[in-house]
Amino acid sequence: MDPITGYTKNSNTLGVTILANNCATADAYATGFMAMDLPEAFKVINSNKDLEAYIIYLDEKGIVQEFLTRGFRELLVE
């Protein structure tokens, strides 16, 4: 849902996981990033060193892609 218009919004963002200092902050950012356009979300993530992110989205061709911050990637266990 677009918080400005109150209407549903088509988005290429499929899922967002945020790691932050506390659950409420992580949840708030994850919810906000689902409503934002991807370039805006990337700006916020890159300007906030306290956030780690994993975002699944569709690229311009409709192909599923992933974005992971370096810190998020370092926490993954193979």
N, C-alpha and C. Protein backbone atom coordinates (compact mmCIF):
# COMPACT_ATOMS: atom_id res chain seq x y z
N MET A 1 0.84 -1.17 0.00
CA MET A 1 0.00 0.00 0.00
C MET A 1 0.89 1.24 0.00
N ASP A 2 0.57 2.19 -0.83
CA ASP A 2 1.30 3.45 -0.88
C ASP A 2 0.83 4.32 0.29
N PRO A 3 1.74 4.66 1.21
CA PRO A 3 1.32 5.43 2.38
C PRO A 3 0.87 6.85 2.05
N ILE A 4 1.25 7.34 0.90
CA ILE A 4 0.85 8.70 0.52
C ILE A 4 -0.57 8.72 -0.05
N THR A 5 -0.86 7.75 -0.92
CA THR A 5 -2.17 7.75 -1.57
C THR A 5 -3.19 6.87 -0.85
N GLY A 6 -2.73 5.87 -0.11
CA GLY A 6 -3.63 4.94 0.55
C GLY A 6 -4.08 3.81 -0.36
N TYR A 7 -3.63 3.82 -1.61
CA TYR A 7 -4.00 2.78 -2.56
C TYR A 7 -2.89 1.74 -2.68
N THR A 8 -3.25 0.57 -3.19
CA THR A 8 -2.23 -0.44 -3.42
C THR A 8 -1.27 0.05 -4.48
N LYS A 9 -0.06 -0.49 -4.44
CA LYS A 9 0.99 -0.04 -5.34
C LYS A 9 1.67 -1.26 -5.94
N ASN A 10 1.84 -1.27 -7.25
CA ASN A 10 2.62 -2.33 -7.87
C ASN A 10 4.07 -2.10 -7.53
N SER A 11 4.74 -3.16 -7.12
CA SER A 11 6.13 -3.04 -6.71
C SER A 11 6.92 -4.21 -7.24
N ASN A 12 8.18 -3.97 -7.54
CA ASN A 12 9.05 -5.07 -7.95
C ASN A 12 9.79 -5.67 -6.75
N THR A 13 9.53 -5.16 -5.56
CA THR A 13 10.13 -5.72 -4.35
C THR A 13 9.28 -6.88 -3.86
N LEU A 14 9.90 -8.05 -3.74
CA LEU A 14 9.17 -9.26 -3.35
C LEU A 14 9.32 -9.57 -1.87
N GLY A 15 10.46 -9.24 -1.29
CA GLY A 15 10.68 -9.52 0.12
C GLY A 15 11.86 -8.75 0.67
N VAL A 16 11.78 -8.39 1.94
CA VAL A 16 12.85 -7.61 2.58
C VAL A 16 13.11 -8.19 3.97
N THR A 17 14.38 -8.42 4.28
CA THR A 17 14.80 -8.78 5.62
C THR A 17 15.82 -7.74 6.06
N ILE A 18 15.60 -7.16 7.23
CA ILE A 18 16.50 -6.15 7.77
C ILE A 18 17.03 -6.61 9.12
N LEU A 19 18.31 -6.43 9.33
CA LEU A 19 18.92 -6.65 10.65
C LEU A 19 19.27 -5.28 11.20
N ALA A 20 18.86 -5.02 12.43
CA ALA A 20 19.11 -3.73 13.08
C ALA A 20 19.37 -3.98 14.56
N ASN A 21 19.58 -2.91 15.31
CA ASN A 21 19.88 -3.01 16.73
C ASN A 21 18.72 -3.57 17.55
N ASN A 22 17.50 -3.44 17.04
CA ASN A 22 16.35 -3.99 17.76
C ASN A 22 15.27 -4.37 16.76
N CYS A 23 14.35 -5.18 17.22
CA CYS A 23 13.31 -5.73 16.35
C CYS A 23 12.39 -4.65 15.78
N ALA A 24 12.00 -3.69 16.60
CA ALA A 24 11.08 -2.65 16.13
C ALA A 24 11.70 -1.84 15.00
N THR A 25 12.98 -1.52 15.10
CA THR A 25 13.66 -0.78 14.05
C THR A 25 13.74 -1.61 12.77
N ALA A 26 14.11 -2.87 12.90
CA ALA A 26 14.21 -3.75 11.74
C ALA A 26 12.86 -3.88 11.05
N ASP A 27 11.81 -4.06 11.83
CA ASP A 27 10.46 -4.20 11.26
C ASP A 27 10.01 -2.92 10.56
N ALA A 28 10.29 -1.79 11.17
CA ALA A 28 9.88 -0.51 10.57
C ALA A 28 10.59 -0.28 9.23
N TYR A 29 11.89 -0.53 9.19
CA TYR A 29 12.62 -0.35 7.93
C TYR A 29 12.15 -1.35 6.88
N ALA A 30 11.97 -2.61 7.26
CA ALA A 30 11.54 -3.62 6.30
C ALA A 30 10.19 -3.26 5.70
N THR A 31 9.27 -2.80 6.54
CA THR A 31 7.96 -2.39 6.05
C THR A 31 8.07 -1.19 5.13
N GLY A 32 8.88 -0.22 5.51
CA GLY A 32 9.08 0.96 4.67
C GLY A 32 9.70 0.63 3.34
N PHE A 33 10.68 -0.28 3.34
CA PHE A 33 11.34 -0.64 2.09
C PHE A 33 10.41 -1.39 1.14
N MET A 34 9.43 -2.10 1.69
CA MET A 34 8.45 -2.77 0.83
C MET A 34 7.60 -1.74 0.08
N ALA A 35 7.40 -0.58 0.66
CA ALA A 35 6.57 0.46 0.04
C ALA A 35 7.39 1.42 -0.83
N MET A 36 8.70 1.47 -0.62
CA MET A 36 9.56 2.40 -1.37
C MET A 36 9.95 1.83 -2.72
N ASP A 37 10.35 2.71 -3.61
CA ASP A 37 11.00 2.27 -4.83
C ASP A 37 12.40 1.80 -4.46
N LEU A 38 12.92 0.80 -5.18
CA LEU A 38 14.21 0.22 -4.84
C LEU A 38 15.36 1.22 -4.74
N PRO A 39 15.51 2.15 -5.69
CA PRO A 39 16.63 3.10 -5.57
C PRO A 39 16.57 3.90 -4.26
N GLU A 40 15.38 4.25 -3.81
CA GLU A 40 15.24 4.97 -2.54
C GLU A 40 15.67 4.07 -1.38
N ALA A 41 15.23 2.83 -1.39
CA ALA A 41 15.60 1.89 -0.33
C ALA A 41 17.11 1.69 -0.28
N PHE A 42 17.74 1.53 -1.45
CA PHE A 42 19.19 1.35 -1.49
C PHE A 42 19.92 2.56 -0.91
N LYS A 43 19.42 3.77 -1.19
CA LYS A 43 20.03 4.99 -0.64
C LYS A 43 20.00 4.97 0.88
N VAL A 44 18.84 4.64 1.43
CA VAL A 44 18.68 4.61 2.88
C VAL A 44 19.60 3.55 3.49
N ILE A 45 19.63 2.37 2.91
CA ILE A 45 20.47 1.29 3.42
C ILE A 45 21.94 1.70 3.38
N ASN A 46 22.37 2.24 2.26
CA ASN A 46 23.78 2.61 2.11
C ASN A 46 24.20 3.79 2.99
N SER A 47 23.23 4.57 3.45
CA SER A 47 23.58 5.72 4.30
C SER A 47 23.43 5.40 5.79
N ASN A 48 23.01 4.18 6.12
CA ASN A 48 22.81 3.82 7.53
C ASN A 48 23.66 2.60 7.86
N LYS A 49 24.79 2.83 8.52
CA LYS A 49 25.72 1.75 8.83
C LYS A 49 25.18 0.75 9.84
N ASP A 50 24.08 1.08 10.52
CA ASP A 50 23.50 0.19 11.52
C ASP A 50 22.50 -0.80 10.93
N LEU A 51 22.30 -0.76 9.62
CA LEU A 51 21.36 -1.67 8.96
C LEU A 51 22.10 -2.65 8.07
N GLU A 52 21.65 -3.89 8.11
CA GLU A 52 22.06 -4.89 7.13
C GLU A 52 20.79 -5.35 6.44
N ALA A 53 20.89 -5.64 5.15
CA ALA A 53 19.67 -5.91 4.39
C ALA A 53 19.83 -7.04 3.40
N TYR A 54 18.71 -7.72 3.18
CA TYR A 54 18.57 -8.73 2.14
C TYR A 54 17.24 -8.44 1.45
N ILE A 55 17.31 -8.11 0.16
CA ILE A 55 16.12 -7.75 -0.58
C ILE A 55 16.01 -8.66 -1.81
N ILE A 56 14.83 -9.23 -2.00
CA ILE A 56 14.53 -10.01 -3.20
C ILE A 56 13.60 -9.16 -4.06
N TYR A 57 13.94 -9.02 -5.34
CA TYR A 57 13.17 -8.13 -6.21
C TYR A 57 13.18 -8.65 -7.65
N LEU A 58 12.31 -8.08 -8.45
CA LEU A 58 12.29 -8.37 -9.89
C LEU A 58 13.02 -7.27 -10.64
N ASP A 59 13.94 -7.66 -11.52
CA ASP A 59 14.62 -6.65 -12.32
C ASP A 59 13.74 -6.20 -13.47
N GLU A 60 14.29 -5.36 -14.36
CA GLU A 60 13.51 -4.78 -15.46
C GLU A 60 12.93 -5.84 -16.38
N LYS A 61 13.58 -7.02 -16.44
CA LYS A 61 13.11 -8.10 -17.32
C LYS A 61 12.19 -9.08 -16.59
N GLY A 62 11.91 -8.80 -15.31
CA GLY A 62 11.04 -9.69 -14.54
C GLY A 62 11.75 -10.89 -13.95
N ILE A 63 13.09 -10.83 -13.91
CA ILE A 63 13.89 -11.92 -13.36
C ILE A 63 14.17 -11.64 -11.88
N VAL A 64 14.01 -12.67 -11.06
CA VAL A 64 14.23 -12.53 -9.63
C VAL A 64 15.72 -12.27 -9.36
N GLN A 65 15.99 -11.23 -8.57
CA GLN A 65 17.35 -10.85 -8.19
C GLN A 65 17.45 -10.70 -6.68
N GLU A 66 18.67 -10.68 -6.17
CA GLU A 66 18.90 -10.48 -4.74
C GLU A 66 19.87 -9.33 -4.53
N PHE A 67 19.63 -8.58 -3.46
CA PHE A 67 20.56 -7.56 -3.00
C PHE A 67 20.90 -7.88 -1.56
N LEU A 68 22.17 -7.99 -1.24
CA LEU A 68 22.61 -8.25 0.12
C LEU A 68 23.70 -7.24 0.47
N THR A 69 23.60 -6.66 1.65
CA THR A 69 24.69 -5.82 2.12
C THR A 69 25.87 -6.74 2.48
N ARG A 70 27.05 -6.17 2.55
CA ARG A 70 28.24 -6.96 2.88
C ARG A 70 28.09 -7.61 4.25
N GLY A 71 27.59 -6.84 5.21
CA GLY A 71 27.41 -7.38 6.56
C GLY A 71 26.43 -8.53 6.61
N PHE A 72 25.36 -8.45 5.84
CA PHE A 72 24.38 -9.53 5.79
C PHE A 72 25.02 -10.77 5.19
N ARG A 73 25.75 -10.58 4.09
CA ARG A 73 26.41 -11.71 3.41
C ARG A 73 27.40 -12.41 4.36
N GLU A 74 28.12 -11.64 5.17
CA GLU A 74 29.09 -12.21 6.08
C GLU A 74 28.45 -13.08 7.17
N LEU A 75 27.19 -12.84 7.46
CA LEU A 75 26.49 -13.61 8.49
C LEU A 75 25.90 -14.92 7.98
N LEU A 76 25.88 -15.12 6.65
CA LEU A 76 25.31 -16.33 6.08
C LEU A 76 26.22 -17.52 6.33
N VAL A 77 25.61 -18.65 6.59
CA VAL A 77 26.34 -19.90 6.82
C VAL A 77 26.02 -20.83 5.67
N GLU A 78 27.05 -21.38 5.07
CA GLU A 78 26.82 -22.31 3.96
C GLU A 78 26.85 -23.73 4.42
